[in-house]
């Protein structure tokens, strides 16, 4: 349907600027403090500017994080995927974030984006949709993927929001385990979420994490004394949380995801445990993220 190039949603003190052509991403998510200041909820940029990793949030579909070496096997079929980010030998985050999306519907506080993936190196056709709803208290994003092929397809979903942070930013999330990583950010061992991997009341900015966490409660809280609000993230379908908090600080990514990093490289017998779904022809899976913005 015809639409403005960069759909804007607004409700109460909140505004959301989308960038469909840049991976179906959120360019900006802001809070109007009422004193002339617009405070970023997501770390973002002007729509149409910057690269994929500069956006405020982007979708992960039909897998999340990395596929070790770009190869995996599924029911007698060998799949080989090329790297999709400079400097990264393993492809990551699927195909949605590098593809242009189309606007299916746009209203003042609601937008639906979608794209279709034709079979190629990933040998299954699928349709993905993002439904954004903004209200005065927060944002709801629902990401869906439907298998359009005539054979079963592995699938996982995630969302990749970036939040600004300072030395005083505190994350509170309940997780049971973490995966240690090697020099290529691939998982090595699953350990208890203690010590450097504890996320309860954790000062998170500059923590030097790029790790997956299991046994997530599906809820996380992020707050900073400089913000006039606190943020609460909820994602009922996500049993896993990936936290990217680079040592240099400036932002933290809190990614609700349905499966563990590099799960496609594990035997199919472990996929359910690691969160991977197998979608039959015509079957759909969904992931919802709610970000509540609570004024202080």
Protein backbone atom coordinates (compact mmCIF):
# COMPACT_ATOMS: atom_id res chain seq x y z
CA UNK A 1 0.00 0.00 0.00
CA UNK A 2 1.26 3.58 -0.55
CA UNK A 3 2.90 5.11 2.52
CA UNK A 4 5.39 7.69 3.62
CA UNK A 5 8.98 6.40 3.21
CA UNK A 6 9.64 6.31 6.96
CA UNK A 7 6.44 5.59 8.90
CA UNK A 8 6.10 7.57 12.14
CA UNK A 9 4.01 6.30 15.04
CA UNK A 10 3.11 8.55 17.95
CA UNK A 11 1.06 8.18 21.11
CA UNK A 12 1.26 10.21 24.31
CA UNK A 13 4.92 11.01 25.07
CA UNK A 14 6.25 8.27 22.79
CA UNK A 15 7.24 8.34 19.12
CA UNK A 16 8.56 5.58 16.88
CA UNK A 17 10.26 6.10 13.53
CA UNK A 18 10.53 3.05 11.26
CA UNK A 19 12.96 2.38 8.41
CA UNK A 20 11.38 -0.45 6.36
CA UNK A 21 14.01 -0.36 3.62
CA UNK A 22 16.81 -0.93 6.11
CA UNK A 23 15.98 -4.39 7.33
CA UNK A 24 12.50 -3.63 8.63
CA UNK A 25 14.17 -1.75 11.45
CA UNK A 26 13.23 0.84 14.04
CA UNK A 27 15.35 3.90 13.37
CA UNK A 28 14.32 5.76 16.55
CA UNK A 29 12.18 5.25 19.64
CA UNK A 30 11.94 8.41 21.76
CA UNK A 31 10.30 9.75 24.92
CA UNK A 32 9.11 13.37 25.06
CA UNK A 33 10.06 14.64 28.54
CA UNK A 34 7.74 17.65 28.16
CA UNK A 35 10.49 20.20 28.65
CA UNK A 36 11.73 20.33 25.07
CA UNK A 37 13.85 17.21 25.42
CA UNK A 38 13.35 14.01 23.43
CA UNK A 39 15.12 11.23 25.29
CA UNK A 40 16.08 8.10 23.32
CA UNK A 41 14.52 4.86 24.52
CA UNK A 42 16.38 2.92 21.82
CA UNK A 43 19.83 4.04 20.72
CA UNK A 44 19.04 5.14 17.17
CA UNK A 45 19.57 7.56 14.30
CA UNK A 46 17.66 9.57 11.74
CA UNK A 47 15.75 7.23 9.39
CA UNK A 48 17.62 6.46 6.20
CA UNK A 49 20.99 7.25 7.74
CA UNK A 50 23.72 4.94 8.99
CA UNK A 51 24.08 1.22 8.47
CA UNK A 52 22.26 -1.86 9.67
CA UNK A 53 24.02 -1.89 13.03
CA UNK A 54 23.20 1.78 13.68
CA UNK A 55 19.45 1.22 13.83
CA UNK A 56 17.52 1.23 17.09
CA UNK A 57 16.20 -2.32 16.62
CA UNK A 58 15.99 -4.90 13.85
CA UNK A 59 14.37 -8.33 13.40
CA UNK A 60 16.15 -11.70 13.49
CA UNK A 61 14.52 -14.28 11.19
CA UNK A 62 14.57 -17.25 10.51
CA UNK A 63 17.47 -17.84 12.91
CA UNK A 64 19.25 -15.79 15.55
CA UNK A 65 22.91 -15.09 16.20
CA UNK A 66 25.50 -17.28 14.48
CA UNK A 67 25.66 -20.43 12.39
CA UNK A 68 29.11 -21.85 13.07
CA UNK A 69 31.12 -21.79 9.84
CA UNK A 70 27.94 -21.17 7.86
CA UNK A 71 27.02 -24.85 7.59
CA UNK A 72 24.48 -27.21 9.13
CA UNK A 73 22.57 -30.34 8.15
CA UNK A 74 18.84 -30.98 8.41
CA UNK A 75 17.23 -34.29 7.51
CA UNK A 76 19.72 -35.25 4.85
CA UNK A 77 20.07 -31.76 3.40
CA UNK A 78 23.36 -29.87 3.75
CA UNK A 79 22.93 -26.10 3.99
CA UNK A 80 25.79 -23.67 3.33
CA UNK A 81 25.33 -19.99 4.11
CA UNK A 82 27.76 -17.19 3.23
CA UNK A 83 28.91 -14.63 5.82
CA UNK A 84 26.64 -11.57 5.86
CA UNK A 85 28.60 -9.07 7.96
CA UNK A 86 32.13 -7.82 7.18
CA UNK A 87 34.66 -9.25 9.59
CA UNK A 88 32.35 -12.06 10.74
CA UNK A 89 33.20 -15.51 9.32
CA UNK A 90 29.88 -16.98 10.47
CA UNK A 91 26.56 -15.72 9.08
CA UNK A 92 24.31 -14.28 11.73
CA UNK A 93 20.77 -13.08 12.48
CA UNK A 94 19.10 -14.59 9.42
CA UNK A 95 17.95 -12.63 6.37
CA UNK A 96 15.30 -10.17 7.53
CA UNK A 97 17.72 -7.58 8.88
CA UNK A 98 19.57 -7.28 5.54
CA UNK A 99 16.44 -7.16 3.35
CA UNK A 100 14.05 -4.32 2.50
CA UNK A 101 10.56 -4.74 3.96
CA UNK A 102 7.28 -3.45 2.55
CA UNK A 103 4.62 -1.49 4.44
CA UNK A 104 1.40 -3.48 4.56
CA UNK A 105 -0.54 -1.16 6.86
CA UNK A 106 0.18 2.17 8.55
CA UNK A 107 -1.87 4.19 11.00
CA UNK A 108 -0.99 6.80 13.62
CA UNK A 109 -0.01 4.23 16.24
CA UNK A 110 0.15 0.95 14.30
CA UNK A 111 2.23 -0.33 11.39
CA UNK A 112 2.69 -3.74 9.78
CA UNK A 113 5.77 -4.54 7.68
CA UNK A 114 6.42 -7.73 5.72
CA UNK A 115 8.83 -9.44 3.35
CA UNK A 116 9.08 -12.71 1.47
CA UNK A 117 12.22 -14.79 1.14
CA UNK A 118 12.64 -16.94 -1.95
CA UNK A 119 14.59 -20.21 -1.70
CA UNK A 120 18.31 -19.93 -2.30
CA UNK A 121 21.25 -20.84 -0.07
CA UNK A 122 18.54 -21.08 2.61
CA UNK A 123 16.47 -23.60 0.69
CA UNK A 124 13.04 -22.77 2.17
CA UNK A 125 10.63 -20.02 1.19
CA UNK A 126 9.13 -18.05 4.07
CA UNK A 127 7.10 -14.94 4.81
CA UNK A 128 7.93 -12.65 7.72
CA UNK A 129 5.83 -9.89 9.25
CA UNK A 130 6.40 -7.29 11.95
CA UNK A 131 3.45 -5.70 13.74
CA UNK A 132 4.26 -2.50 15.67
CA UNK A 133 1.73 -1.04 18.10
CA UNK A 134 2.50 2.10 20.12
CA UNK A 135 0.42 3.27 23.09
CA UNK A 136 1.03 5.93 25.72
CA UNK A 137 2.74 3.42 28.01
CA UNK A 138 5.00 1.57 25.61
CA UNK A 139 5.67 -0.39 22.45
CA UNK A 140 4.60 -3.87 21.38
CA UNK A 141 6.39 -5.61 18.48
CA UNK A 142 5.23 -8.98 17.17
CA UNK A 143 7.50 -10.79 14.71
CA UNK A 144 6.05 -13.75 12.80
CA UNK A 145 7.48 -16.24 10.32
CA UNK A 146 5.47 -18.58 8.10
CA UNK A 147 7.00 -21.50 6.22
CA UNK A 148 5.88 -21.18 2.58
CA UNK A 149 7.77 -24.20 1.31
CA UNK A 150 6.45 -27.74 0.90
CA UNK A 151 8.96 -29.21 3.39
CA UNK A 152 9.69 -28.76 7.08
CA UNK A 153 11.92 -25.79 7.92
CA UNK A 154 13.96 -24.98 11.05
CA UNK A 155 13.07 -21.60 12.49
CA UNK A 156 13.98 -19.19 15.26
CA UNK A 157 13.07 -15.57 15.94
CA UNK A 158 14.49 -12.63 17.83
CA UNK A 159 14.53 -8.86 18.11
CA UNK A 160 17.69 -6.79 18.52
CA UNK A 161 17.00 -3.51 20.38
CA UNK A 162 19.89 -1.24 21.36
CA UNK A 163 19.58 0.94 24.46
CA UNK A 164 21.77 3.90 25.36
CA UNK A 165 23.59 3.44 28.65
CA UNK A 166 25.91 5.13 31.11
CA UNK A 167 28.07 3.91 33.98
CA UNK A 168 24.96 4.14 36.18
CA UNK A 169 22.62 2.04 33.99
CA UNK A 170 21.33 -1.02 35.84
CA UNK A 171 19.92 -4.19 34.28
CA UNK A 172 17.84 -6.61 36.33
CA UNK A 173 17.11 -9.94 34.61
CA UNK A 174 16.65 -13.44 35.98
CA UNK A 175 18.56 -16.07 34.01
CA UNK A 176 19.72 -19.56 34.95
CA UNK A 177 22.74 -20.10 32.71
CA UNK A 178 25.18 -18.47 30.32
CA UNK A 179 27.35 -19.65 27.46
CA UNK A 180 31.03 -18.83 27.50
CA UNK A 181 32.36 -17.82 24.10
CA UNK A 182 35.51 -18.15 22.01
CA UNK A 183 37.33 -15.41 20.09
CA UNK A 184 34.73 -15.62 17.31
CA UNK A 185 31.80 -15.12 19.71
CA UNK A 186 30.71 -18.73 19.31
CA UNK A 187 29.48 -20.69 22.34
CA UNK A 188 31.92 -22.96 24.16
CA UNK A 189 30.31 -24.15 27.41
CA UNK A 190 27.07 -23.60 29.31
CA UNK A 191 27.72 -22.45 32.89
CA UNK A 192 25.68 -21.16 35.81
CA UNK A 193 24.81 -17.46 35.55
CA UNK A 194 27.00 -16.44 38.47
CA UNK A 195 29.90 -14.03 38.91
CA UNK A 196 30.58 -12.21 35.62
CA UNK A 197 27.36 -13.66 34.17
CA UNK A 198 24.99 -12.57 36.91
CA UNK A 199 22.36 -10.15 35.58
CA UNK A 200 20.49 -9.29 38.79
CA UNK A 201 20.81 -5.57 39.59
CA UNK A 202 23.87 -5.44 37.32
CA UNK A 203 25.61 -2.27 36.19
CA UNK A 204 25.64 -3.29 32.57
CA UNK A 205 27.25 -0.52 30.51
CA UNK A 206 30.77 -1.53 29.45
CA UNK A 207 30.38 -4.98 31.04
CA UNK A 208 32.25 -6.68 28.18
CA UNK A 209 29.50 -9.22 27.46
CA UNK A 210 28.44 -10.73 24.14
CA UNK A 211 26.86 -13.85 25.58
CA UNK A 212 23.71 -15.89 25.35
CA UNK A 213 21.75 -16.65 28.51
CA UNK A 214 19.34 -19.53 29.09
CA UNK A 215 16.50 -20.02 31.51
CA UNK A 216 15.42 -16.40 31.11
CA UNK A 217 12.23 -15.48 32.94
CA UNK A 218 11.05 -13.45 29.93
CA UNK A 219 11.27 -10.18 31.86
CA UNK A 220 14.06 -7.59 32.25
CA UNK A 221 14.20 -4.12 33.75
CA UNK A 222 16.59 -1.35 32.67
CA UNK A 223 16.96 1.93 34.56
CA UNK A 224 19.32 4.88 34.84
CA UNK A 225 19.12 7.79 37.31
CA UNK A 226 19.48 10.22 34.38
CA UNK A 227 16.33 8.89 32.71
CA UNK A 228 12.87 10.18 33.63
CA UNK A 229 11.54 6.65 33.11
CA UNK A 230 12.33 2.99 33.73
CA UNK A 231 12.04 0.33 31.04
CA UNK A 232 10.54 -3.12 31.43
CA UNK A 233 10.97 -5.69 28.65
CA UNK A 234 8.73 -8.74 28.46
CA UNK A 235 8.78 -11.49 25.85
CA UNK A 236 6.74 -14.59 26.80
CA UNK A 237 7.94 -16.75 23.90
CA UNK A 238 11.66 -16.08 24.43
CA UNK A 239 13.40 -18.52 26.78
CA UNK A 240 16.79 -17.05 25.89
CA UNK A 241 18.30 -13.58 26.18
CA UNK A 242 21.42 -12.41 24.36
CA UNK A 243 23.26 -9.51 25.99
CA UNK A 244 25.76 -7.41 24.05
CA UNK A 245 27.42 -4.84 26.30
CA UNK A 246 30.78 -3.95 24.69
CA UNK A 247 33.63 -2.91 26.94
CA UNK A 248 33.74 0.57 25.40
CA UNK A 249 30.20 1.27 26.65
CA UNK A 250 27.74 3.69 25.09
CA UNK A 251 24.96 1.16 24.50
CA UNK A 252 23.69 -2.26 25.48
CA UNK A 253 21.70 -4.68 23.29
CA UNK A 254 19.17 -6.88 25.06
CA UNK A 255 17.92 -9.43 22.55
CA UNK A 256 14.94 -11.67 23.35
CA UNK A 257 15.47 -14.78 21.23
CA UNK A 258 13.73 -18.13 20.88
CA UNK A 259 16.88 -20.24 20.59
CA UNK A 260 20.48 -20.41 21.72
CA UNK A 261 23.43 -19.16 19.67
CA UNK A 262 24.66 -21.70 17.07
CA UNK A 263 21.78 -24.07 17.88
CA UNK A 264 21.54 -25.02 14.18
CA UNK A 265 24.95 -26.67 14.49
CA UNK A 266 23.74 -29.05 17.19
CA UNK A 267 22.06 -32.42 16.47
CA UNK A 268 18.35 -32.14 15.76
CA UNK A 269 17.64 -34.15 18.92
CA UNK A 270 18.81 -31.13 20.94
CA UNK A 271 16.93 -28.49 19.01
CA UNK A 272 13.83 -28.44 21.22
CA UNK A 273 16.02 -28.07 24.33
CA UNK A 274 17.92 -25.23 22.64
CA UNK A 275 14.73 -23.52 21.48
CA UNK A 276 14.74 -24.21 17.73
CA UNK A 277 11.35 -24.88 16.17
CA UNK A 278 10.61 -27.02 13.11
CA UNK A 279 7.81 -25.48 11.08
CA UNK A 280 5.75 -27.68 8.81
CA UNK A 281 4.47 -26.31 5.48
CA UNK A 282 2.17 -23.36 6.17
CA UNK A 283 3.01 -23.27 9.88
CA UNK A 284 3.71 -19.97 11.65
CA UNK A 285 5.66 -19.05 14.78
CA UNK A 286 5.65 -15.71 16.62
CA UNK A 287 7.72 -13.71 19.07
CA UNK A 288 6.36 -10.70 20.95
CA UNK A 289 8.39 -8.01 22.69
CA UNK A 290 6.71 -5.47 24.95
CA UNK A 291 8.71 -2.44 26.13
CA UNK A 292 6.92 -0.58 28.91
CA UNK A 293 8.13 2.98 29.50
CA UNK A 294 7.20 3.93 33.07
CA UNK A 295 7.67 7.60 34.07
CA UNK A 296 9.43 8.14 37.39
